[in-house]
Amino acid sequence: MIQDYGKHKRGQVPAAEFLKAALAGRNVGLMSEAGCPGIADPGAEIVAEAHRLGIAVVPLVGPSSLLLALMASGFNGQSFAFHGYLPIDKQQRSRRIKELERESASKGQTQLFIETPFRNNALLEDLLRQLNPSSKLCVAVDLTGPSEQVISKPIRQWRDQPSLDLHKRPAIFLIQG
């Protein structure tokens, strides 16, 4: 049986409802449409409820878009931080981009973040406008799909190229200051 717990269903049905089969002793699985269950994903609520109910949670090896993007970026994989979604408000987002760039430069740390697919192009434009020319940006889009692209280069080179169309495409953004 497949049940949807995405952004349009969450809150309508308690997380425990999705665990009835597990409570009855059956094995159940949690899958995400893109990325990894529980990482910037509403599935974390179901996992937390499973723990609360004493149901064993066993993670399985599989693709994680965040780690795949980091692996393919050429950026520092020894020190990195995932920040989820950046603020929607333009001024707050601009400040956050600058903060992440400074943090990356001061710590030598790769900064990863995501955006909803319909706002990806606006975020890319903001990154190209806000980041220093020498900072590096990686955009990993449609990972594990036939149209997969992973592009890593300094901002000055991004600015010289035609813009990448990311509309409605799942993407991971990484910066290294």
Protein backbone atom coordinates (compact mmCIF):
# COMPACT_ATOMS: atom_id res chain seq x y z
CA MET A 1 0.00 0.00 0.00
CA ILE A 2 1.34 3.44 -0.94
CA GLN A 3 0.46 6.47 1.15
CA ASP A 4 1.36 10.09 0.40
CA TYR A 5 2.71 12.29 3.18
CA GLY A 6 3.94 15.17 1.02
CA LYS A 7 3.48 18.86 1.61
CA HIS A 8 -0.16 18.74 0.49
CA LYS A 9 -1.13 15.81 2.75
CA ARG A 10 0.97 16.53 5.84
CA GLY A 11 -1.13 17.61 8.80
CA GLN A 12 -4.30 16.09 7.37
CA VAL A 13 -3.41 12.62 8.62
CA PRO A 14 -1.39 11.98 11.80
CA ALA A 15 2.06 10.45 11.24
CA ALA A 16 1.02 7.47 13.40
CA GLU A 17 -1.61 6.59 10.76
CA PHE A 18 1.21 5.72 8.37
CA LEU A 19 2.70 3.32 10.88
CA LYS A 20 -0.32 1.06 11.50
CA ALA A 21 1.20 -1.79 9.49
CA ALA A 22 4.47 -1.52 11.42
CA LEU A 23 2.56 -1.59 14.70
CA ALA A 24 0.88 -4.78 13.44
CA GLY A 25 4.32 -6.36 12.99
CA ARG A 26 4.76 -5.83 9.24
CA ASN A 27 7.80 -4.28 7.59
CA VAL A 28 7.19 -0.88 6.03
CA GLY A 29 9.34 1.44 3.95
CA LEU A 30 9.61 5.18 3.60
CA MET A 31 10.59 6.65 0.25
CA SER A 32 11.06 10.21 -0.93
CA GLU A 33 10.28 11.44 -4.43
CA ALA A 34 13.62 13.22 -4.61
CA GLY A 35 16.49 13.21 -2.20
CA CYS A 36 16.61 11.15 0.93
CA PRO A 37 13.80 10.42 3.41
CA GLY A 38 14.10 12.51 6.53
CA ILE A 39 16.64 14.98 5.12
CA ALA A 40 14.76 18.22 4.28
CA ASP A 41 11.76 15.95 3.82
CA PRO A 42 8.44 15.56 5.66
CA GLY A 43 9.31 11.88 6.24
CA ALA A 44 11.30 12.99 9.29
CA GLU A 45 7.97 13.37 11.11
CA ILE A 46 7.07 9.74 10.40
CA VAL A 47 10.51 8.57 11.54
CA ALA A 48 10.20 10.59 14.76
CA GLU A 49 6.77 9.06 15.37
CA ALA A 50 8.19 5.56 14.77
CA HIS A 51 10.81 6.21 17.45
CA ARG A 52 8.13 7.53 19.83
CA LEU A 53 6.09 4.34 19.27
CA GLY A 54 9.11 2.07 19.78
CA ILE A 55 9.25 0.92 16.15
CA ALA A 56 12.75 0.03 14.97
CA VAL A 57 14.04 2.40 12.27
CA VAL A 58 16.59 0.88 9.90
CA PRO A 59 18.14 3.20 7.29
CA LEU A 60 19.06 1.55 4.01
CA VAL A 61 21.90 2.55 1.76
CA GLY A 62 20.66 4.48 -1.22
CA PRO A 63 21.20 7.71 -3.08
CA SER A 64 21.10 10.95 -1.16
CA SER A 65 20.96 13.95 -3.47
CA LEU A 66 22.91 16.01 -0.95
CA LEU A 67 25.80 13.59 -0.72
CA LEU A 68 25.75 12.87 -4.45
CA ALA A 69 25.98 16.61 -5.13
CA LEU A 70 28.83 17.00 -2.66
CA MET A 71 30.68 14.02 -4.14
CA ALA A 72 30.34 15.38 -7.68
CA SER A 73 31.09 19.04 -6.82
CA GLY A 74 34.82 18.83 -6.26
CA PHE A 75 34.27 20.93 -3.12
CA ASN A 76 35.44 20.17 0.43
CA GLY A 77 33.82 16.93 1.59
CA GLN A 78 35.68 16.89 4.91
CA SER A 79 33.80 19.88 6.28
CA PHE A 80 30.34 20.79 5.05
CA ALA A 81 27.00 22.03 6.35
CA PHE A 82 23.48 21.59 5.00
CA HIS A 83 21.15 24.54 5.55
CA GLY A 84 17.89 23.36 3.98
CA TYR A 85 15.89 26.17 2.40
CA LEU A 86 17.10 29.75 2.35
CA PRO A 87 14.64 32.54 3.29
CA ILE A 88 12.01 33.45 0.69
CA ASP A 89 12.19 37.19 1.44
CA LYS A 90 14.72 38.73 -0.98
CA GLN A 91 16.54 40.87 1.61
CA GLN A 92 16.76 38.04 4.13
CA ARG A 93 17.91 35.63 1.42
CA SER A 94 20.60 38.08 0.24
CA ARG A 95 21.90 38.43 3.80
CA ARG A 96 21.89 34.66 4.26
CA ILE A 97 23.80 34.09 1.01
CA LYS A 98 26.50 36.52 2.17
CA GLU A 99 26.60 34.85 5.62
CA LEU A 100 27.05 31.41 4.06
CA GLU A 101 29.80 32.69 1.78
CA ARG A 102 31.67 34.23 4.75
CA GLU A 103 31.22 31.05 6.79
CA SER A 104 32.52 28.94 3.92
CA ALA A 105 35.58 31.15 3.48
CA SER A 106 36.39 31.40 7.20
CA LYS A 107 35.93 27.68 7.97
CA GLY A 108 36.93 26.21 4.60
CA GLN A 109 33.50 24.58 4.71
CA THR A 110 31.22 23.71 1.80
CA GLN A 111 27.71 25.14 2.27
CA LEU A 112 24.79 23.14 0.80
CA PHE A 113 21.19 24.29 0.45
CA ILE A 114 18.09 23.64 -1.63
CA GLU A 115 15.09 25.50 -2.98
CA THR A 116 11.67 24.48 -4.21
CA PRO A 117 11.96 23.71 -7.93
CA PHE A 118 9.72 26.60 -9.03
CA ARG A 119 12.00 29.13 -7.24
CA ASN A 120 15.35 27.70 -8.41
CA ASN A 121 15.92 30.24 -11.19
CA ALA A 122 15.39 33.18 -8.82
CA LEU A 123 17.81 31.66 -6.32
CA LEU A 124 20.44 31.10 -9.01
CA GLU A 125 20.09 34.74 -10.12
CA ASP A 126 20.52 35.89 -6.51
CA LEU A 127 23.60 33.71 -6.04
CA LEU A 128 25.22 35.07 -9.20
CA ARG A 129 24.44 38.63 -8.12
CA GLN A 130 25.47 38.28 -4.44
CA LEU A 131 28.51 36.01 -4.39
CA ASN A 132 32.08 37.21 -4.93
CA PRO A 133 33.55 36.49 -8.38
CA SER A 134 36.17 34.16 -6.89
CA SER A 135 33.70 32.09 -4.84
CA LYS A 136 32.71 28.77 -6.36
CA LEU A 137 29.18 27.60 -7.02
CA CYS A 138 28.05 24.09 -7.85
CA VAL A 139 24.56 23.38 -9.12
CA ALA A 140 23.59 19.71 -9.15
CA VAL A 141 20.28 19.21 -10.93
CA ASP A 142 18.13 16.17 -11.77
CA LEU A 143 20.56 13.86 -9.98
CA THR A 144 20.31 10.20 -11.02
CA GLY A 145 17.95 11.16 -13.86
CA PRO A 146 18.59 11.21 -17.61
CA SER A 147 18.95 15.02 -17.64
CA GLU A 148 21.41 15.08 -14.70
CA GLN A 149 23.87 17.97 -14.67
CA VAL A 150 26.53 18.89 -12.13
CA ILE A 151 28.29 22.17 -12.88
CA SER A 152 31.02 23.58 -10.61
CA LYS A 153 32.88 26.76 -11.40
CA PRO A 154 33.77 30.19 -10.00
CA ILE A 155 31.04 32.83 -10.00
CA ARG A 156 32.94 34.92 -12.58
CA GLN A 157 32.62 32.00 -15.04
CA TRP A 158 28.94 31.47 -14.19
CA ARG A 159 28.32 35.15 -14.99
CA ASP A 160 29.97 34.78 -18.42
CA GLN A 161 27.79 31.82 -19.45
CA PRO A 162 24.14 31.73 -20.49
CA SER A 163 21.95 31.02 -17.50
CA LEU A 164 21.01 27.44 -16.69
CA ASP A 165 17.24 26.83 -16.71
CA LEU A 166 16.36 25.17 -13.40
CA HIS A 167 12.59 25.77 -13.45
CA LYS A 168 10.74 22.82 -11.90
CA ARG A 169 13.95 20.74 -11.72
CA PRO A 170 15.16 19.38 -8.36
CA ALA A 171 18.50 21.04 -7.59
CA ILE A 172 21.13 21.20 -4.88
CA PHE A 173 23.24 24.35 -4.53
CA LEU A 174 26.74 24.32 -3.03
CA ILE A 175 29.07 27.22 -2.40
CA GLN A 176 32.70 27.37 -1.45
CA GLY A 177 34.10 30.78 -0.58
